[in-house]
Amino acid sequence: GAFWMARPMAFLSRHTRLTPAVLMLFLASAPLWPIRALIGWLFSTKRLFSWLRTAPQEVIAEKFIIMDAYMPTKEVANLVEKIRREVPISTPLWLCPVAGSSTPQLLSPHGHRSELFINVGIYGRVCDTQGVEYTKKLESQIAEGGGRKMLYSQNFYTEEEFWGKAGSKWRETMPQESEYRSVRRKYKAEGTFLDLFSKVCEEARIKEEGTMVSRLGRFIARMML
């Protein structure tokens, strides 16, 4: 899967840190059938996603950049340049054209404009554990360029940013809270279901008190990943 690409990275790249996971991935994808037969089964898609779900989300955020950004075509070059200049990942970027919507779609990543979008997929490891900071910078660049993220990944927007209250560029791009609340009232979701910001943004999550077991789990995950 794209989250776990190791072969495309230059082995001696300044962006590659030799952790147990990276070493195993290089070996598992090497063109040597005895090695692949020995450890390749460890890296099935099902098993990799199982490990990803098991790892502490805090560590995933530190170590990985995982997002899909739907950008107007005229802003794609600026985003790609920023990524390559400021974000220390060496994995390829995914670029895929997506038609905009002729009718507004409140929460769709490509439903706020009718023009052509390019889905810029950004998946890779960072070796300096500054993944949260890089993600925040990219979220800002995406919104100010008229684009939106898909919300499946970790999101670090503030509530003002998420509802487009952080400035004119954000207001033109992000969902409008008043419209969203109106839809929730219409379908009697208030008081029954979490609102979208609370559901998908890290700022709204309750921070759990660290126990010895959780701290040990994070330590091991940081060493492995």
Protein backbone atom coordinates (compact mmCIF):
# COMPACT_ATOMS: atom_id res chain seq x y z
CA GLY A 1 0.00 0.00 0.00
CA ALA A 2 0.99 3.63 -0.54
CA PHE A 3 1.34 4.27 3.21
CA TRP A 4 4.15 1.74 3.41
CA MET A 5 6.18 2.43 0.27
CA ALA A 6 9.83 1.80 1.03
CA ARG A 7 11.34 0.65 -2.26
CA PRO A 8 10.83 4.01 -4.06
CA MET A 9 12.96 5.70 -1.39
CA ALA A 10 16.67 5.97 -2.06
CA PHE A 11 18.31 3.73 0.53
CA LEU A 12 20.92 6.38 1.41
CA SER A 13 18.56 9.36 1.10
CA ARG A 14 18.73 11.96 3.86
CA HIS A 15 14.97 11.37 4.20
CA THR A 16 15.38 7.66 4.99
CA ARG A 17 15.99 6.51 8.55
CA LEU A 18 16.94 2.88 8.89
CA THR A 19 14.39 1.52 11.36
CA PRO A 20 13.46 -2.18 11.68
CA ALA A 21 10.28 -1.56 9.67
CA VAL A 22 12.14 0.18 6.81
CA LEU A 23 14.85 -2.49 6.67
CA MET A 24 12.29 -5.29 6.56
CA LEU A 25 10.37 -3.53 3.80
CA PHE A 26 13.49 -3.13 1.68
CA LEU A 27 14.29 -6.81 2.13
CA ALA A 28 10.72 -7.95 1.49
CA SER A 29 10.56 -6.01 -1.79
CA ALA A 30 14.06 -6.96 -2.98
CA PRO A 31 14.26 -8.98 -6.23
CA LEU A 32 15.59 -12.02 -4.34
CA TRP A 33 12.99 -14.77 -4.17
CA PRO A 34 14.44 -16.62 -1.12
CA ILE A 35 14.18 -13.46 1.01
CA ARG A 36 10.73 -12.61 -0.32
CA ALA A 37 9.56 -16.16 0.35
CA LEU A 38 10.92 -15.97 3.89
CA ILE A 39 9.47 -12.62 5.04
CA GLY A 40 7.20 -11.37 2.25
CA TRP A 41 4.12 -12.89 3.90
CA LEU A 42 4.55 -10.44 6.79
CA PHE A 43 3.73 -7.55 4.49
CA SER A 44 0.37 -8.45 3.05
CA THR A 45 -2.06 -5.55 2.70
CA LYS A 46 -4.31 -6.98 5.40
CA ARG A 47 -1.46 -7.37 7.88
CA LEU A 48 0.01 -3.91 7.19
CA PHE A 49 -3.31 -2.18 7.77
CA SER A 50 -3.80 -4.22 10.92
CA TRP A 51 -0.46 -2.97 12.23
CA LEU A 52 -1.29 0.58 11.21
CA ARG A 53 -4.54 0.46 13.21
CA THR A 54 -2.74 -1.03 16.21
CA ALA A 55 0.05 1.57 16.36
CA PRO A 56 -0.54 4.58 18.67
CA GLN A 57 -2.11 7.37 16.61
CA GLU A 58 0.23 9.89 18.22
CA VAL A 59 3.22 8.03 16.78
CA ILE A 60 1.59 7.66 13.35
CA ALA A 61 1.09 11.45 13.31
CA GLU A 62 4.73 12.05 14.24
CA LYS A 63 6.18 9.62 11.73
CA PHE A 64 3.90 9.76 8.70
CA ILE A 65 2.33 12.25 6.33
CA ILE A 66 -0.89 10.68 5.04
CA MET A 67 -3.40 12.80 3.15
CA ASP A 68 -5.22 13.37 -0.13
CA ALA A 69 -5.65 17.00 -1.17
CA TYR A 70 -8.10 18.00 -3.91
CA MET A 71 -6.55 21.12 -5.49
CA PRO A 72 -7.66 23.42 -8.33
CA THR A 73 -5.33 22.71 -11.25
CA LYS A 74 -3.71 26.17 -11.14
CA GLU A 75 -2.60 25.61 -7.52
CA VAL A 76 -1.14 22.12 -7.90
CA ALA A 77 2.36 23.24 -8.88
CA ASN A 78 2.60 25.51 -5.82
CA LEU A 79 1.58 22.67 -3.50
CA VAL A 80 3.97 20.17 -5.08
CA GLU A 81 6.85 22.68 -4.87
CA LYS A 82 6.10 23.31 -1.19
CA ILE A 83 6.04 19.59 -0.44
CA ARG A 84 9.33 18.93 -2.19
CA ARG A 85 10.95 22.01 -0.65
CA GLU A 86 9.69 21.81 2.95
CA VAL A 87 8.44 18.28 3.70
CA PRO A 88 11.19 15.64 4.08
CA ILE A 89 9.57 12.72 2.28
CA SER A 90 11.07 10.97 -0.74
CA THR A 91 8.09 8.86 -1.80
CA PRO A 92 6.24 9.67 -5.05
CA LEU A 93 3.19 11.91 -5.06
CA TRP A 94 -0.12 10.62 -6.40
CA LEU A 95 -1.69 12.92 -9.02
CA CYS A 96 -5.16 12.13 -10.32
CA PRO A 97 -7.64 14.46 -12.11
CA VAL A 98 -11.11 14.70 -10.55
CA ALA A 99 -14.08 16.59 -11.98
CA GLY A 100 -15.64 19.22 -9.74
CA SER A 101 -19.36 19.23 -8.95
CA SER A 102 -21.86 21.31 -10.91
CA THR A 103 -24.00 21.49 -7.76
CA PRO A 104 -22.49 22.49 -4.38
CA GLN A 105 -21.71 19.62 -2.01
CA LEU A 106 -21.17 20.80 1.53
CA LEU A 107 -18.60 18.26 2.71
CA SER A 108 -17.21 16.76 -0.49
CA PRO A 109 -13.48 17.46 -1.09
CA HIS A 110 -14.29 18.44 -4.68
CA GLY A 111 -17.88 19.66 -4.23
CA HIS A 112 -17.27 23.34 -3.52
CA ARG A 113 -16.26 24.28 -7.09
CA SER A 114 -17.25 23.15 -10.56
CA GLU A 115 -13.74 23.29 -12.05
CA LEU A 116 -11.27 20.45 -12.56
CA PHE A 117 -9.34 19.31 -9.49
CA ILE A 118 -6.17 17.29 -9.09
CA ASN A 119 -6.08 14.84 -6.21
CA VAL A 120 -2.58 15.17 -4.75
CA GLY A 121 -1.86 12.10 -2.65
CA ILE A 122 0.88 12.67 -0.08
CA TYR A 123 2.02 9.51 1.69
CA GLY A 124 5.40 9.05 3.31
CA ARG A 125 7.58 8.86 6.40
CA VAL A 126 9.37 11.79 8.01
CA CYS A 127 12.52 11.05 9.99
CA ASP A 128 12.49 14.07 12.30
CA THR A 129 9.18 13.19 14.07
CA GLN A 130 7.71 16.56 13.01
CA GLY A 131 4.84 15.02 11.06
CA VAL A 132 2.15 17.01 12.90
CA GLU A 133 3.85 20.32 12.10
CA TYR A 134 4.25 19.41 8.41
CA THR A 135 0.62 18.30 8.24
CA LYS A 136 -0.57 21.61 9.72
CA LYS A 137 1.47 23.58 7.20
CA LEU A 138 0.05 21.55 4.32
CA GLU A 139 -3.52 21.92 5.61
CA SER A 140 -3.06 25.68 5.57
CA GLN A 141 -1.53 25.66 2.07
CA ILE A 142 -4.34 23.46 0.76
CA ALA A 143 -7.14 25.64 2.16
CA GLU A 144 -5.53 28.91 1.07
CA GLY A 145 -5.07 27.47 -2.42
CA GLY A 146 -8.79 26.71 -2.70
CA GLY A 147 -8.48 22.98 -2.03
CA ARG A 148 -9.81 20.54 0.54
CA LYS A 149 -8.48 17.42 2.20
CA MET A 150 -10.28 14.14 2.33
CA LEU A 151 -11.09 13.70 6.00
CA TYR A 152 -10.14 10.03 6.38
CA SER A 153 -6.67 10.95 7.68
CA GLN A 154 -5.62 12.70 10.86
CA ASN A 155 -6.69 16.35 10.79
CA PHE A 156 -5.12 19.12 12.85
CA TYR A 157 -7.38 22.05 12.02
CA THR A 158 -8.49 24.38 14.77
CA GLU A 159 -12.26 24.78 14.99
CA GLU A 160 -12.01 28.24 13.40
CA GLU A 161 -10.01 26.85 10.48
CA PHE A 162 -12.28 23.85 9.96
CA TRP A 163 -15.41 26.01 9.68
CA GLY A 164 -13.72 28.63 7.48
CA LYS A 165 -13.48 31.35 10.12
CA ALA A 166 -9.69 31.81 9.97
CA GLY A 167 -9.66 34.29 7.07
CA SER A 168 -11.16 35.03 3.68
CA LYS A 169 -9.33 32.22 1.86
CA TRP A 170 -10.53 29.68 4.42
CA ARG A 171 -14.09 31.03 4.24
CA GLU A 172 -14.18 30.51 0.46
CA THR A 173 -12.95 26.92 0.75
CA MET A 174 -14.04 25.19 3.96
CA PRO A 175 -17.56 24.01 4.88
CA GLN A 176 -19.83 26.66 6.40
CA GLU A 177 -20.88 25.79 9.94
CA SER A 178 -24.29 27.50 9.68
CA GLU A 179 -25.26 25.38 6.68
CA TYR A 180 -23.96 22.23 8.36
CA ARG A 181 -25.90 22.93 11.59
CA SER A 182 -29.04 23.53 9.57
CA VAL A 183 -28.72 20.09 7.97
CA ARG A 184 -28.15 18.49 11.39
CA ARG A 185 -31.27 20.14 12.80
CA LYS A 186 -33.30 19.08 9.78
CA TYR A 187 -32.42 15.42 10.28
CA LYS A 188 -32.52 15.60 14.10
CA ALA A 189 -28.83 14.78 14.53
CA GLU A 190 -28.19 17.35 17.27
CA GLY A 191 -27.70 15.62 20.60
CA THR A 192 -27.58 12.21 18.91
CA PHE A 193 -24.44 12.16 16.77
CA LEU A 194 -21.09 13.89 17.14
CA ASP A 195 -20.63 16.91 14.93
CA LEU A 196 -18.09 16.58 12.14
CA PHE A 197 -15.32 18.64 13.75
CA SER A 198 -15.48 16.56 16.93
CA LYS A 199 -15.47 13.36 14.92
CA VAL A 200 -12.52 13.97 12.59
CA CYS A 201 -10.22 16.60 14.14
CA GLU A 202 -7.54 15.85 16.69
CA GLU A 203 -8.05 19.10 18.58
CA ALA A 204 -11.51 17.93 19.66
CA ARG A 205 -10.37 14.59 20.99
CA ILE A 206 -10.04 14.05 24.73
CA LYS A 207 -6.39 13.50 25.58
CA GLU A 208 -6.00 10.30 27.54
CA GLU A 209 -3.83 10.23 30.62
CA GLY A 210 -0.62 8.38 29.88
CA THR A 211 -0.19 5.08 31.70
CA MET A 212 3.01 3.09 31.93
CA VAL A 213 1.67 0.61 29.37
CA SER A 214 0.68 3.34 26.88
CA ARG A 215 4.05 5.09 27.27
CA LEU A 216 5.84 1.79 26.69
CA GLY A 217 3.69 1.15 23.60
CA ARG A 218 4.59 4.56 22.16
CA PHE A 219 8.28 4.00 22.89
CA ILE A 220 8.29 0.65 21.06
CA ALA A 221 6.31 2.06 18.13
CA ARG A 222 8.75 4.97 17.77
CA MET A 223 11.68 2.53 17.73
CA MET A 224 10.04 0.20 15.19
CA LEU A 225 8.61 2.77 12.79
